[in-house]
Every structure is written in C-alpha cells, then in structure tokens.
Protein backbone atom coordinates (compact mmCIF):
# COMPACT_ATOMS: atom_id res chain seq x y z
CA MET A 1 108.42 52.27 20.66
CA THR A 2 109.16 52.68 24.06
CA GLU A 3 109.88 49.62 26.90
CA SER A 4 107.39 48.70 29.52
CA SER A 5 108.57 49.24 32.74
CA GLU A 6 106.17 46.90 33.68
CA SER A 7 107.90 43.43 35.60
CA PRO A 8 106.39 40.22 33.76
CA TYR A 9 104.85 39.44 36.46
CA GLU A 10 102.44 42.85 36.25
CA LEU A 11 102.45 42.06 32.46
CA MET A 12 100.90 38.60 33.05
CA GLY A 13 98.67 39.64 35.30
CA GLY A 14 100.07 39.68 38.96
CA ALA A 15 98.53 38.06 41.81
CA ALA A 16 94.73 37.09 40.16
CA THR A 17 96.82 35.31 37.08
CA PHE A 18 99.18 33.81 39.26
CA ASN A 19 96.54 32.57 42.07
CA ARG A 20 93.84 31.22 38.84
CA LEU A 21 96.54 29.57 37.10
CA VAL A 22 98.29 27.57 40.05
CA SER A 23 94.89 26.89 41.18
CA ALA A 24 93.96 24.95 37.81
CA PHE A 25 96.39 23.12 37.61
CA TYR A 26 96.88 21.43 41.36
CA ALA A 27 93.23 20.75 40.52
CA GLY A 28 94.44 18.74 38.00
CA VAL A 29 97.46 16.47 39.76
CA ALA A 30 94.61 15.90 42.71
CA ASP A 31 93.14 13.26 40.76
CA ASP A 32 96.12 12.52 38.74
CA PRO A 33 97.58 8.66 39.25
CA GLU A 34 101.06 9.67 38.59
CA LEU A 35 101.47 12.66 39.99
CA ARG A 36 99.62 12.77 42.91
CA PRO A 37 102.29 10.40 44.42
CA MET A 38 104.96 12.97 44.35
CA TYR A 39 103.23 15.55 46.62
CA PRO A 40 103.11 13.82 49.91
CA GLU A 41 101.20 16.44 52.07
CA SER A 42 97.45 15.04 52.35
CA ASP A 43 96.09 18.70 51.67
CA LEU A 44 97.64 19.99 48.32
CA ALA A 45 97.38 23.85 49.61
CA PRO A 46 101.91 23.66 50.87
CA ALA A 47 102.38 22.96 47.37
CA GLU A 48 100.04 25.27 45.24
CA ARG A 49 100.98 28.13 47.71
CA ARG A 50 105.03 26.88 46.96
CA LEU A 51 104.37 27.09 43.37
CA ARG A 52 102.55 30.41 43.42
CA LEU A 53 105.47 32.07 44.96
CA PHE A 54 108.30 30.96 43.00
CA LEU A 55 106.62 31.22 39.51
CA GLU A 56 105.54 35.24 40.88
CA GLN A 57 108.91 35.69 42.37
CA TYR A 58 110.78 34.29 38.55
CA TRP A 59 108.66 36.11 36.98
CA GLY A 60 109.37 39.23 39.20
CA GLY A 61 106.34 39.66 41.54
CA PRO A 62 107.13 39.80 45.44
CA ARG A 63 110.22 37.91 46.60
CA THR A 64 108.44 35.91 49.28
CA TYR A 65 109.03 32.35 47.93
CA SER A 66 113.54 32.99 48.61
CA ASP A 67 112.02 35.46 52.19
CA GLU A 68 110.61 32.16 52.99
CA ARG A 69 112.59 28.86 52.07
CA GLY A 70 115.79 29.98 50.37
CA HIS A 71 117.59 29.55 46.99
CA PRO A 72 114.15 27.39 44.90
CA ARG A 73 116.56 24.65 44.04
CA LEU A 74 114.23 23.46 42.09
CA ARG A 75 116.52 20.20 40.77
CA LEU A 76 117.58 19.07 44.50
CA ARG A 77 113.89 19.61 45.78
CA HIS A 78 112.28 17.48 43.01
CA ALA A 79 115.31 15.38 43.73
CA PRO A 80 113.65 12.33 46.14
CA PHE A 81 111.03 11.80 43.51
CA ALA A 82 111.06 9.62 40.48
CA VAL A 83 110.16 11.75 38.02
CA THR A 84 110.29 10.28 34.24
CA PRO A 85 109.10 11.71 31.25
CA ARG A 86 106.13 10.49 31.54
CA ALA A 87 105.37 12.34 34.98
CA ARG A 88 107.10 15.43 33.20
CA ASP A 89 104.16 14.81 30.37
CA ARG A 90 101.39 14.65 32.72
CA TRP A 91 102.86 17.51 34.63
CA LEU A 92 103.04 19.40 31.28
CA HIS A 93 99.67 18.15 30.33
CA HIS A 94 98.12 20.07 34.00
CA MET A 95 99.77 23.19 33.19
CA GLU A 96 98.36 23.60 29.84
CA ARG A 97 94.93 22.95 30.92
CA ALA A 98 95.61 25.86 33.81
CA LEU A 99 97.21 28.12 31.23
CA ALA A 100 94.40 28.50 29.12
CA THR A 101 91.97 29.50 32.05
CA VAL A 102 93.95 32.75 32.18
CA THR A 103 94.07 35.45 30.45
CA MET A 104 96.83 37.42 29.62
CA PRO A 105 98.54 38.82 26.45
CA ASP A 106 99.36 36.44 23.71
CA ASP A 107 103.45 37.28 24.14
CA GLN A 108 103.54 36.96 28.49
CA ARG A 109 101.72 33.47 27.68
CA GLU A 110 104.36 32.42 25.19
CA GLN A 111 107.15 33.59 27.24
CA LEU A 112 105.43 31.79 30.19
CA TRP A 113 105.00 28.60 28.29
CA SER A 114 108.20 28.48 27.10
CA TYR A 115 109.97 28.74 30.35
CA LEU A 116 107.31 26.01 31.84
CA GLU A 117 108.51 23.70 28.89
CA MET A 118 111.84 24.00 30.09
CA ALA A 119 111.40 23.68 33.09
CA ALA A 120 109.38 20.55 33.25
CA HIS A 121 112.14 19.41 31.13
CA SER A 122 115.19 20.10 33.72
CA MET A 123 113.42 18.24 36.02
CA VAL A 124 113.26 14.49 34.63
CA ASN A 125 115.39 12.90 36.86
CA THR A 126 115.02 9.53 35.59
CA LEU A 127 114.22 7.94 32.50
CA ASP A 128 112.78 4.36 33.89
CA GLU A 129 109.09 4.39 34.38
CA PRO A 130 108.35 2.54 37.79
CA SER A 131 107.17 -1.02 36.46
C-alpha cells in the first residue's frame, strides 16, 4: 500500500469542504442563545473566517491564519468567555450537524471529528454554569 502525498486538507475536500462546514456551523450558532453571546461582533462573519482559516491551516491547507493572527493560542483566545461543559456540548452539537453537511471519506471524517471533540473538551475553562 502506498502513502498518499495529499494533505488531510486535500483529502477532506479542501477549501470547499471547510467553507461549507464552517458556514453550516455558524448558521447554527447564530440562533443559539447559549453560544451566540460568546461572539461579540454583531456579524458572525469575522469569527466564521477565523475558524475556517484555523481549521484549513491545522489540516495542512494555507497558512493564512498564522500569517494574519500568529500562533492560534486557542485556550488564551477563549479565556475571556465562560466555556462551560454545556457550552462545549452546544458547540459540538452544531459542529456535528455541520459535519453532516459535508462529503469526505469516512476515515477523514472520523479524524476531523476526533480532533473537534478533543479541542472542544480542552476549551472548557469553568465548571460552574452561569446562574
């Protein structure tokens, strides 16, 4: 068996896949009363672009995210927000629904979902639910 020289980004479908995934994700976030307050911009487009660029770079696509924003520092960037287990679960809910809208090989889908779950769990920074 030969190794593919394609990056996971390419195997997952490249820019079209990540555009569709992130767009579908933010369509869910826009109407979510738990998550929407974590996005201070009145327009979700900047957050959508940042997530798309981050995911593309993480999976071997263009390095635009780092070129524009430096090191991702995910936990630090999320520190101003109370990321509770409930918020994590809402985030994963919308991401799982978004992932269902894209076409990619099952092994790539599983790899992406595994990463998204791990990342979401690592962003939890408070166990206290807001009252």
